Amino acid sequence: MKHIKLFENFLNEGVHLSTDDTTKIKTAIKNNAFLSLRPVLSKLGFMVDFSFEPHAHFYVTKKGANDSVIIINKKYAENPDFVHGDIAMGLTEKKL
């Protein structure tokens, strides 16, 4: 099983999302099922891409941001910054 390595404390790793943006993403994760996140995050103004490779995951970013946050099932995440239920969030070491 391939794991996606996420940076711990990704806010200190150069992500250009504000604290307010990351709070919005975390709140969406807390209040929604994984597959329901795309429309919720889009309504909040985030660009959201979805992929099944290597595992089902979302890339979430804001216009002008240099990096993307990844949202994935926690069993496939290594060192996530945030976990709620089965969902993990963090910044990937490299684009998948």
PDB file of N, CA and C in Angstrom:
ATOM      1  N   MET A   1       0.845  -1.172   0.000  1.00  0.00           N
ATOM      2  CA  MET A   1       0.000   0.000   0.000  1.00  0.00           C
ATOM      3  C   MET A   1       0.895   1.241   0.000  1.00  0.00           C
ATOM      4  N   LYS A   2       0.732   2.083  -0.996  1.00  0.00           N
ATOM      5  CA  LYS A   2       1.532   3.300  -1.096  1.00  0.00           C
ATOM      6  C   LYS A   2       0.930   4.389  -0.209  1.00  0.00           C
ATOM      7  N   HIS A   3       1.772   5.008   0.600  1.00  0.00           N
ATOM      8  CA  HIS A   3       1.327   6.115   1.437  1.00  0.00           C
ATOM      9  C   HIS A   3       1.734   7.443   0.810  1.00  0.00           C
ATOM     10  N   ILE A   4       0.951   8.454   1.042  1.00  0.00           N
ATOM     11  CA  ILE A   4       1.261   9.802   0.594  1.00  0.00           C
ATOM     12  C   ILE A   4       1.925  10.505   1.762  1.00  0.00           C
ATOM     13  N   LYS A   5       3.173  10.910   1.610  1.00  0.00           N
ATOM     14  CA  LYS A   5       3.878  11.574   2.698  1.00  0.00           C
ATOM     15  C   LYS A   5       3.466  13.042   2.725  1.00  0.00           C
ATOM     16  N   LEU A   6       2.954  13.462   3.854  1.00  0.00           N
ATOM     17  CA  LEU A   6       2.522  14.847   4.026  1.00  0.00           C
ATOM     18  C   LEU A   6       3.457  15.537   4.995  1.00  0.00           C
ATOM     19  N   PHE A   7       3.682  16.811   4.776  1.00  0.00           N
ATOM     20  CA  PHE A   7       4.485  17.585   5.711  1.00  0.00           C
ATOM     21  C   PHE A   7       3.710  17.788   6.998  1.00  0.00           C
ATOM     22  N   GLU A   8       4.376  17.633   8.121  1.00  0.00           N
ATOM     23  CA  GLU A   8       3.787  18.000   9.396  1.00  0.00           C
ATOM     24  C   GLU A   8       3.839  19.511   9.501  1.00  0.00           C
ATOM     25  N   ASN A   9       2.862  20.096  10.147  1.00  0.00           N
ATOM     26  CA  ASN A   9       2.821  21.549  10.339  1.00  0.00           C
ATOM     27  C   ASN A   9       3.024  22.290   9.019  1.00  0.00           C
ATOM     28  N   PHE A  10       2.181  21.959   8.031  1.00  0.00           N
ATOM     29  CA  PHE A  10       2.404  22.477   6.693  1.00  0.00           C
ATOM     30  C   PHE A  10       2.344  23.993   6.599  1.00  0.00           C
ATOM     31  N   LEU A  11       1.740  24.644   7.544  1.00  0.00           N
ATOM     32  CA  LEU A  11       1.700  26.112   7.481  1.00  0.00           C
ATOM     33  C   LEU A  11       3.098  26.703   7.585  1.00  0.00           C
ATOM     34  N   ASN A  12       4.029  25.977   8.162  1.00  0.00           N
ATOM     35  CA  ASN A  12       5.403  26.456   8.269  1.00  0.00           C
ATOM     36  C   ASN A  12       6.264  26.012   7.094  1.00  0.00           C
ATOM     37  N   GLU A  13       5.682  25.347   6.127  1.00  0.00           N
ATOM     38  CA  GLU A  13       6.450  24.807   5.008  1.00  0.00           C
ATOM     39  C   GLU A  13       6.237  25.594   3.726  1.00  0.00           C
ATOM     40  N   GLY A  14       5.701  26.807   3.808  1.00  0.00           N
ATOM     41  CA  GLY A  14       5.599  27.658   2.632  1.00  0.00           C
ATOM     42  C   GLY A  14       4.261  27.646   1.926  1.00  0.00           C
ATOM     43  N   VAL A  15       3.241  27.073   2.506  1.00  0.00           N
ATOM     44  CA  VAL A  15       1.921  27.131   1.903  1.00  0.00           C
ATOM     45  C   VAL A  15       1.417  28.557   1.996  1.00  0.00           C
ATOM     46  N   HIS A  16       0.901  29.051   0.908  1.00  0.00           N
ATOM     47  CA  HIS A  16       0.455  30.427   0.888  1.00  0.00           C
ATOM     48  C   HIS A  16      -1.053  30.546   1.088  1.00  0.00           C
ATOM     49  N   LEU A  17      -1.606  29.662   1.886  1.00  0.00           N
ATOM     50  CA  LEU A  17      -2.997  29.793   2.299  1.00  0.00           C
ATOM     51  C   LEU A  17      -3.000  30.464   3.666  1.00  0.00           C
ATOM     52  N   SER A  18      -3.933  31.356   3.873  1.00  0.00           N
ATOM     53  CA  SER A  18      -3.996  32.051   5.157  1.00  0.00           C
ATOM     54  C   SER A  18      -4.506  31.116   6.248  1.00  0.00           C
ATOM     55  N   THR A  19      -4.325  31.529   7.479  1.00  0.00           N
ATOM     56  CA  THR A  19      -4.865  30.771   8.609  1.00  0.00           C
ATOM     57  C   THR A  19      -6.379  30.668   8.485  1.00  0.00           C
ATOM     58  N   ASP A  20      -7.020  31.730   8.021  1.00  0.00           N
ATOM     59  CA  ASP A  20      -8.465  31.724   7.810  1.00  0.00           C
ATOM     60  C   ASP A  20      -8.855  30.668   6.773  1.00  0.00           C
ATOM     61  N   ASP A  21      -8.083  30.567   5.686  1.00  0.00           N
ATOM     62  CA  ASP A  21      -8.365  29.566   4.655  1.00  0.00           C
ATOM     63  C   ASP A  21      -8.233  28.149   5.205  1.00  0.00           C
ATOM     64  N   THR A  22      -7.173  27.899   5.957  1.00  0.00           N
ATOM     65  CA  THR A  22      -6.989  26.549   6.493  1.00  0.00           C
ATOM     66  C   THR A  22      -8.064  26.218   7.523  1.00  0.00           C
ATOM     67  N   THR A  23      -8.504  27.207   8.266  1.00  0.00           N
ATOM     68  CA  THR A  23      -9.609  26.992   9.213  1.00  0.00           C
ATOM     69  C   THR A  23     -10.879  26.624   8.461  1.00  0.00           C
ATOM     70  N   LYS A  24     -11.138  27.287   7.342  1.00  0.00           N
ATOM     71  CA  LYS A  24     -12.315  26.966   6.526  1.00  0.00           C
ATOM     72  C   LYS A  24     -12.250  25.539   5.998  1.00  0.00           C
ATOM     73  N   ILE A  25     -11.064  25.117   5.549  1.00  0.00           N
ATOM     74  CA  ILE A  25     -10.902  23.760   5.035  1.00  0.00           C
ATOM     75  C   ILE A  25     -11.120  22.743   6.159  1.00  0.00           C
ATOM     76  N   LYS A  26     -10.525  22.991   7.320  1.00  0.00           N
ATOM     77  CA  LYS A  26     -10.686  22.078   8.460  1.00  0.00           C
ATOM     78  C   LYS A  26     -12.142  21.991   8.890  1.00  0.00           C
ATOM     79  N   THR A  27     -12.837  23.114   8.905  1.00  0.00           N
ATOM     80  CA  THR A  27     -14.255  23.125   9.275  1.00  0.00           C
ATOM     81  C   THR A  27     -15.071  22.315   8.269  1.00  0.00           C
ATOM     82  N   ALA A  28     -14.765  22.460   6.983  1.00  0.00           N
ATOM     83  CA  ALA A  28     -15.465  21.689   5.952  1.00  0.00           C
ATOM     84  C   ALA A  28     -15.240  20.192   6.155  1.00  0.00           C
ATOM     85  N   ILE A  29     -14.008  19.809   6.487  1.00  0.00           N
ATOM     86  CA  ILE A  29     -13.693  18.401   6.740  1.00  0.00           C
ATOM     87  C   ILE A  29     -14.479  17.885   7.940  1.00  0.00           C
ATOM     88  N   LYS A  30     -14.555  18.688   8.997  1.00  0.00           N
ATOM     89  CA  LYS A  30     -15.273  18.272  10.211  1.00  0.00           C
ATOM     90  C   LYS A  30     -16.770  18.093   9.967  1.00  0.00           C
ATOM     91  N   ASN A  31     -17.331  18.862   9.029  1.00  0.00           N
ATOM     92  CA  ASN A  31     -18.782  18.897   8.856  1.00  0.00           C
ATOM     93  C   ASN A  31     -19.308  18.141   7.644  1.00  0.00           C
ATOM     94  N   ASN A  32     -18.413  17.487   6.877  1.00  0.00           N
ATOM     95  CA  ASN A  32     -18.855  16.841   5.642  1.00  0.00           C
ATOM     96  C   ASN A  32     -18.169  15.502   5.436  1.00  0.00           C
ATOM     97  N   ALA A  33     -18.847  14.635   4.705  1.00  0.00           N
ATOM     98  CA  ALA A  33     -18.240  13.375   4.291  1.00  0.00           C
ATOM     99  C   ALA A  33     -17.210  13.659   3.208  1.00  0.00           C
ATOM    100  N   PHE A  34     -16.239  12.775   3.053  1.00  0.00           N
ATOM    101  CA  PHE A  34     -15.153  12.963   2.101  1.00  0.00           C
ATOM    102  C   PHE A  34     -15.658  13.333   0.706  1.00  0.00           C
ATOM    103  N   LEU A  35     -16.563  12.541   0.164  1.00  0.00           N
ATOM    104  CA  LEU A  35     -17.019  12.782  -1.203  1.00  0.00           C
ATOM    105  C   LEU A  35     -17.928  14.002  -1.334  1.00  0.00           C
ATOM    106  N   SER A  36     -18.342  14.588  -0.227  1.00  0.00           N
ATOM    107  CA  SER A  36     -19.156  15.801  -0.254  1.00  0.00           C
ATOM    108  C   SER A  36     -18.317  17.072  -0.194  1.00  0.00           C
ATOM    109  N   LEU A  37     -17.016  16.938  -0.059  1.00  0.00           N
ATOM    110  CA  LEU A  37     -16.160  18.103   0.148  1.00  0.00           C
ATOM    111  C   LEU A  37     -16.010  19.006  -1.074  1.00  0.00           C
ATOM    112  N   ARG A  38     -15.984  18.441  -2.261  1.00  0.00           N
ATOM    113  CA  ARG A  38     -15.724  19.262  -3.449  1.00  0.00           C
ATOM    114  C   ARG A  38     -16.681  20.444  -3.594  1.00  0.00           C
ATOM    115  N   PRO A  39     -17.992  20.244  -3.596  1.00  0.00           N
ATOM    116  CA  PRO A  39     -18.875  21.412  -3.757  1.00  0.00           C
ATOM    117  C   PRO A  39     -18.795  22.384  -2.577  1.00  0.00           C
ATOM    118  N   VAL A  40     -18.602  21.855  -1.387  1.00  0.00           N
ATOM    119  CA  VAL A  40     -18.507  22.717  -0.201  1.00  0.00           C
ATOM    120  C   VAL A  40     -17.280  23.615  -0.308  1.00  0.00           C
ATOM    121  N   LEU A  41     -16.126  23.044  -0.641  1.00  0.00           N
ATOM    122  CA  LEU A  41     -14.897  23.823  -0.753  1.00  0.00           C
ATOM    123  C   LEU A  41     -14.955  24.788  -1.932  1.00  0.00           C
ATOM    124  N   SER A  42     -15.584  24.378  -3.023  1.00  0.00           N
ATOM    125  CA  SER A  42     -15.738  25.267  -4.180  1.00  0.00           C
ATOM    126  C   SER A  42     -16.567  26.489  -3.820  1.00  0.00           C
ATOM    127  N   LYS A  43     -17.639  26.293  -3.062  1.00  0.00           N
ATOM    128  CA  LYS A  43     -18.478  27.421  -2.631  1.00  0.00           C
ATOM    129  C   LYS A  43     -17.718  28.383  -1.730  1.00  0.00           C
ATOM    130  N   LEU A  44     -16.695  27.865  -1.033  1.00  0.00           N
ATOM    131  CA  LEU A  44     -15.875  28.711  -0.161  1.00  0.00           C
ATOM    132  C   LEU A  44     -14.779  29.449  -0.939  1.00  0.00           C
ATOM    133  N   GLY A  45     -14.725  29.235  -2.255  1.00  0.00           N
ATOM    134  CA  GLY A  45     -13.773  29.953  -3.091  1.00  0.00           C
ATOM    135  C   GLY A  45     -12.475  29.240  -3.380  1.00  0.00           C
ATOM    136  N   PHE A  46     -12.400  27.957  -3.063  1.00  0.00           N
ATOM    137  CA  PHE A  46     -11.185  27.187  -3.328  1.00  0.00           C
ATOM    138  C   PHE A  46     -11.271  26.505  -4.687  1.00  0.00           C
ATOM    139  N   MET A  47     -10.129  26.316  -5.316  1.00  0.00           N
ATOM    140  CA  MET A  47     -10.053  25.495  -6.521  1.00  0.00           C
ATOM    141  C   MET A  47      -9.825  24.070  -6.040  1.00  0.00           C
ATOM    142  N   VAL A  48     -10.637  23.139  -6.519  1.00  0.00           N
ATOM    143  CA  VAL A  48     -10.583  21.768  -6.031  1.00  0.00           C
ATOM    144  C   VAL A  48     -10.452  20.813  -7.215  1.00  0.00           C
ATOM    145  N   ASP A  49      -9.402  20.000  -7.200  1.00  0.00           N
ATOM    146  CA  ASP A  49      -9.207  18.949  -8.195  1.00  0.00           C
ATOM    147  C   ASP A  49      -9.311  17.614  -7.479  1.00  0.00           C
ATOM    148  N   PHE A  50      -9.848  16.626  -8.172  1.00  0.00           N
ATOM    149  CA  PHE A  50     -10.017  15.295  -7.588  1.00  0.00           C
ATOM    150  C   PHE A  50      -9.316  14.278  -8.464  1.00  0.00           C
ATOM    151  N   SER A  51      -8.680  13.304  -7.842  1.00  0.00           N
ATOM    152  CA  SER A  51      -8.004  12.240  -8.581  1.00  0.00           C
ATOM    153  C   SER A  51      -8.133  10.929  -7.817  1.00  0.00           C
ATOM    154  N   PHE A  52      -8.086   9.821  -8.561  1.00  0.00           N
ATOM    155  CA  PHE A  52      -8.092   8.491  -7.956  1.00  0.00           C
ATOM    156  C   PHE A  52      -6.702   7.879  -7.911  1.00  0.00           C
ATOM    157  N   GLU A  53      -5.703   8.560  -8.437  1.00  0.00           N
ATOM    158  CA  GLU A  53      -4.353   8.006  -8.514  1.00  0.00           C
ATOM    159  C   GLU A  53      -3.398   8.692  -7.565  1.00  0.00           C
ATOM    160  N   PRO A  54      -2.654   8.035  -6.734  1.00  0.00           N
ATOM    161  CA  PRO A  54      -2.677   6.598  -6.487  1.00  0.00           C
ATOM    162  C   PRO A  54      -3.833   6.189  -5.580  1.00  0.00           C
ATOM    163  N   HIS A  55      -4.465   7.130  -4.887  1.00  0.00           N
ATOM    164  CA  HIS A  55      -5.653   6.886  -4.066  1.00  0.00           C
ATOM    165  C   HIS A  55      -6.585   8.070  -4.263  1.00  0.00           C
ATOM    166  N   ALA A  56      -7.860   7.886  -3.949  1.00  0.00           N
ATOM    167  CA  ALA A  56      -8.806   8.993  -4.062  1.00  0.00           C
ATOM    168  C   ALA A  56      -8.363  10.141  -3.156  1.00  0.00           C
ATOM    169  N   HIS A  57      -8.221  11.335  -3.749  1.00  0.00           N
ATOM    170  CA  HIS A  57      -7.790  12.494  -2.973  1.00  0.00           C
ATOM    171  C   HIS A  57      -8.215  13.785  -3.664  1.00  0.00           C
ATOM    172  N   PHE A  58      -8.239  14.858  -2.898  1.00  0.00           N
ATOM    173  CA  PHE A  58      -8.512  16.195  -3.408  1.00  0.00           C
ATOM    174  C   PHE A  58      -7.253  17.045  -3.284  1.00  0.00           C
ATOM    175  N   TYR A  59      -6.996  17.878  -4.297  1.00  0.00           N
ATOM    176  CA  TYR A  59      -6.042  18.969  -4.169  1.00  0.00           C
ATOM    177  C   TYR A  59      -6.858  20.228  -3.964  1.00  0.00           C
ATOM    178  N   VAL A  60      -6.507  21.023  -2.984  1.00  0.00           N
ATOM    179  CA  VAL A  60      -7.247  22.247  -2.686  1.00  0.00           C
ATOM    180  C   VAL A  60      -6.266  23.407  -2.647  1.00  0.00           C
ATOM    181  N   THR A  61      -6.580  24.466  -3.368  1.00  0.00           N
ATOM    182  CA  THR A  61      -5.735  25.654  -3.346  1.00  0.00           C
ATOM    183  C   THR A  61      -6.592  26.890  -3.584  1.00  0.00           C
ATOM    184  N   LYS A  62      -5.997  28.035  -3.449  1.00  0.00           N
ATOM    185  CA  LYS A  62      -6.636  29.314  -3.746  1.00  0.00           C
ATOM    186  C   LYS A  62      -5.923  29.924  -4.930  1.00  0.00           C
ATOM    187  N   LYS A  63      -6.600  30.754  -5.687  1.00  0.00           N
ATOM    188  CA  LYS A  63      -5.964  31.444  -6.806  1.00  0.00           C
ATOM    189  C   LYS A  63      -4.743  32.202  -6.300  1.00  0.00           C
ATOM    190  N   GLY A  64      -3.620  31.988  -6.953  1.00  0.00           N
ATOM    191  CA  GLY A  64      -2.390  32.653  -6.566  1.00  0.00           C
ATOM    192  C   GLY A  64      -1.545  31.907  -5.550  1.00  0.00           C
ATOM    193  N   ALA A  65      -2.072  30.833  -4.974  1.00  0.00           N
ATOM    194  CA  ALA A  65      -1.292  30.066  -3.996  1.00  0.00           C
ATOM    195  C   ALA A  65      -0.257  29.222  -4.726  1.00  0.00           C
ATOM    196  N   ASN A  66       0.881  29.045  -4.124  1.00  0.00           N
ATOM    197  CA  ASN A  66       1.956  28.279  -4.746  1.00  0.00           C
ATOM    198  C   ASN A  66       1.846  26.785  -4.485  1.00  0.00           C
ATOM    199  N   ASP A  67       1.175  26.399  -3.438  1.00  0.00           N
ATOM    200  CA  ASP A  67       1.107  24.999  -3.052  1.00  0.00           C
ATOM    201  C   ASP A  67      -0.333  24.569  -2.856  1.00  0.00           C
ATOM    202  N   SER A  68      -0.549  23.270  -2.923  1.00  0.00           N
ATOM    203  CA  SER A  68      -1.875  22.710  -2.729  1.00  0.00           C
ATOM    204  C   SER A  68      -1.920  21.892  -1.455  1.00  0.00           C
ATOM    205  N   VAL A  69      -3.038  21.961  -0.784  1.00  0.00           N
ATOM    206  CA  VAL A  69      -3.324  21.091   0.347  1.00  0.00           C
ATOM    207  C   VAL A  69      -3.926  19.833  -0.245  1.00  0.00           C
ATOM    208  N   ILE A  70      -3.572  18.693   0.313  1.00  0.00           N
ATOM    209  CA  ILE A  70      -4.173  17.441  -0.127  1.00  0.00           C
ATOM    210  C   ILE A  70      -5.082  16.925   0.983  1.00  0.00           C
ATOM    211  N   ILE A  71      -6.218  16.388   0.589  1.00  0.00           N
ATOM    212  CA  ILE A  71      -7.168  15.763   1.518  1.00  0.00           C
ATOM    213  C   ILE A  71      -7.331  14.328   1.048  1.00  0.00           C
ATOM    214  N   ILE A  72      -7.099  13.383   1.952  1.00  0.00           N
ATOM    215  CA  ILE A  72      -7.058  11.964   1.589  1.00  0.00           C
ATOM    216  C   ILE A  72      -7.475  11.113   2.785  1.00  0.00           C
ATOM    217  N   ASN A  73      -7.822   9.868   2.544  1.00  0.00           N
ATOM    218  CA  ASN A  73      -8.123   8.958   3.649  1.00  0.00           C
ATOM    219  C   ASN A  73      -6.877   8.815   4.514  1.00  0.00           C
ATOM    220  N   LYS A  74      -7.054   8.889   5.830  1.00  0.00           N
ATOM    221  CA  LYS A  74      -5.904   8.901   6.741  1.00  0.00           C
ATOM    222  C   LYS A  74      -5.058   7.641   6.657  1.00  0.00           C
ATOM    223  N   LYS A  75      -5.627   6.527   6.209  1.00  0.00           N
ATOM    224  CA  LYS A  75      -4.823   5.308   6.134  1.00  0.00           C
ATOM    225  C   LYS A  75      -3.768   5.376   5.041  1.00  0.00           C
ATOM    226  N   TYR A  76      -3.880   6.333   4.133  1.00  0.00           N
ATOM    227  CA  TYR A  76      -2.888   6.506   3.075  1.00  0.00           C
ATOM    228  C   TYR A  76      -1.949   7.686   3.331  1.00  0.00           C
ATOM    229  N   ALA A  77      -2.110   8.367   4.443  1.00  0.00           N
ATOM    230  CA  ALA A  77      -1.318   9.565   4.737  1.00  0.00           C
ATOM    231  C   ALA A  77      -0.240   9.267   5.770  1.00  0.00           C
ATOM    232  N   GLU A  78       0.923   9.803   5.522  1.00  0.00           N
ATOM    233  CA  GLU A  78       2.027   9.705   6.466  1.00  0.00           C
ATOM    234  C   GLU A  78       2.312  11.119   6.975  1.00  0.00           C
ATOM    235  N   ASN A  79       2.267  11.322   8.283  1.00  0.00           N
ATOM    236  CA  ASN A  79       2.512  12.626   8.922  1.00  0.00           C
ATOM    237  C   ASN A  79       1.516  13.716   8.524  1.00  0.00           C
ATOM    238  N   PRO A  80       0.207  13.445   8.567  1.00  0.00           N
ATOM    239  CA  PRO A  80      -0.732  14.516   8.223  1.00  0.00           C
ATOM    240  C   PRO A  80      -0.705  15.628   9.261  1.00  0.00           C
ATOM    241  N   ASP A  81      -1.054  16.830   8.825  1.00  0.00           N
ATOM    242  CA  ASP A  81      -1.111  17.970   9.723  1.00  0.00           C
ATOM    243  C   ASP A  81      -2.416  17.964  10.520  1.00  0.00           C
ATOM    244  N   PHE A  82      -3.479  17.472   9.906  1.00  0.00           N
ATOM    245  CA  PHE A  82      -4.801  17.511  10.526  1.00  0.00           C
ATOM    246  C   PHE A  82      -5.538  16.228  10.176  1.00  0.00           C
ATOM    247  N   VAL A  83      -6.175  15.621  11.168  1.00  0.00           N
ATOM    248  CA  VAL A  83      -6.969  14.410  10.954  1.00  0.00           C
ATOM    249  C   VAL A  83      -8.310  14.584  11.654  1.00  0.00           C
ATOM    250  N   HIS A  84      -9.376  14.226  10.938  1.00  0.00           N
ATOM    251  CA  HIS A  84     -10.707  14.192  11.536  1.00  0.00           C
ATOM    252  C   HIS A  84     -11.400  12.941  10.999  1.00  0.00           C
ATOM    253  N   GLY A  85     -11.783  12.047  11.894  1.00  0.00           N
ATOM    254  CA  GLY A  85     -12.379  10.782  11.463  1.00  0.00           C
ATOM    255  C   GLY A  85     -11.396  10.032  10.587  1.00  0.00           C
ATOM    256  N   ASP A  86     -11.820   9.682   9.376  1.00  0.00           N
ATOM    257  CA  ASP A  86     -10.963   8.963   8.431  1.00  0.00           C
ATOM    258  C   ASP A  86     -10.275   9.888   7.432  1.00  0.00           C
ATOM    259  N   ILE A  87     -10.427  11.204   7.583  1.00  0.00           N
ATOM    260  CA  ILE A  87      -9.890  12.158   6.618  1.00  0.00           C
ATOM    261  C   ILE A  87      -8.633  12.821   7.164  1.00  0.00           C
ATOM    262  N   ALA A  88      -7.589  12.882   6.329  1.00  0.00           N
ATOM    263  CA  ALA A  88      -6.333  13.548   6.686  1.00  0.00           C
ATOM    264  C   ALA A  88      -6.093  14.709   5.726  1.00  0.00           C
ATOM    265  N   MET A  89      -5.407  15.736   6.223  1.00  0.00           N
ATOM    266  CA  MET A  89      -5.093  16.906   5.417  1.00  0.00           C
ATOM    267  C   MET A  89      -3.655  17.302   5.623  1.00  0.00           C
ATOM    268  N   GLY A  90      -2.994  17.733   4.568  1.00  0.00           N
ATOM    269  CA  GLY A  90      -1.629  18.231   4.660  1.00  0.00           C
ATOM    270  C   GLY A  90      -1.121  18.654   3.304  1.00  0.00           C
ATOM    271  N   LEU A  91       0.147  18.996   3.240  1.00  0.00           N
ATOM    272  CA  LEU A  91       0.788  19.386   1.998  1.00  0.00           C
ATOM    273  C   LEU A  91       1.675  18.242   1.543  1.00  0.00           C
ATOM    274  N   THR A  92       1.577  17.870   0.282  1.00  0.00           N
ATOM    275  CA  THR A  92       2.421  16.783  -0.197  1.00  0.00           C
ATOM    276  C   THR A  92       3.846  17.247  -0.389  1.00  0.00           C
ATOM    277  N   GLU A  93       4.781  16.302  -0.292  1.00  0.00           N
ATOM    278  CA  GLU A  93       6.195  16.593  -0.553  1.00  0.00           C
ATOM    279  C   GLU A  93       6.383  16.983  -2.007  1.00  0.00           C
ATOM    280  N   LYS A  94       5.640  16.349  -2.883  1.00  0.00           N
ATOM    281  CA  LYS A  94       5.724  16.663  -4.306  1.00  0.00           C
ATOM    282  C   LYS A  94       4.357  16.394  -4.926  1.00  0.00           C
ATOM    283  N   LYS A  95       4.109  17.000  -6.061  1.00  0.00           N
ATOM    284  CA  LYS A  95       2.840  16.778  -6.749  1.00  0.00           C
ATOM    285  C   LYS A  95       2.759  15.326  -7.203  1.00  0.00           C
ATOM    286  N   LEU A  96       1.636  14.698  -7.003  1.00  0.00           N
ATOM    287  CA  LEU A  96       1.470  13.285  -7.364  1.00  0.00           C
ATOM    288  C   LEU A  96       1.389  13.098  -8.868  1.00  0.00           C
TER     289      LEU A  96
END
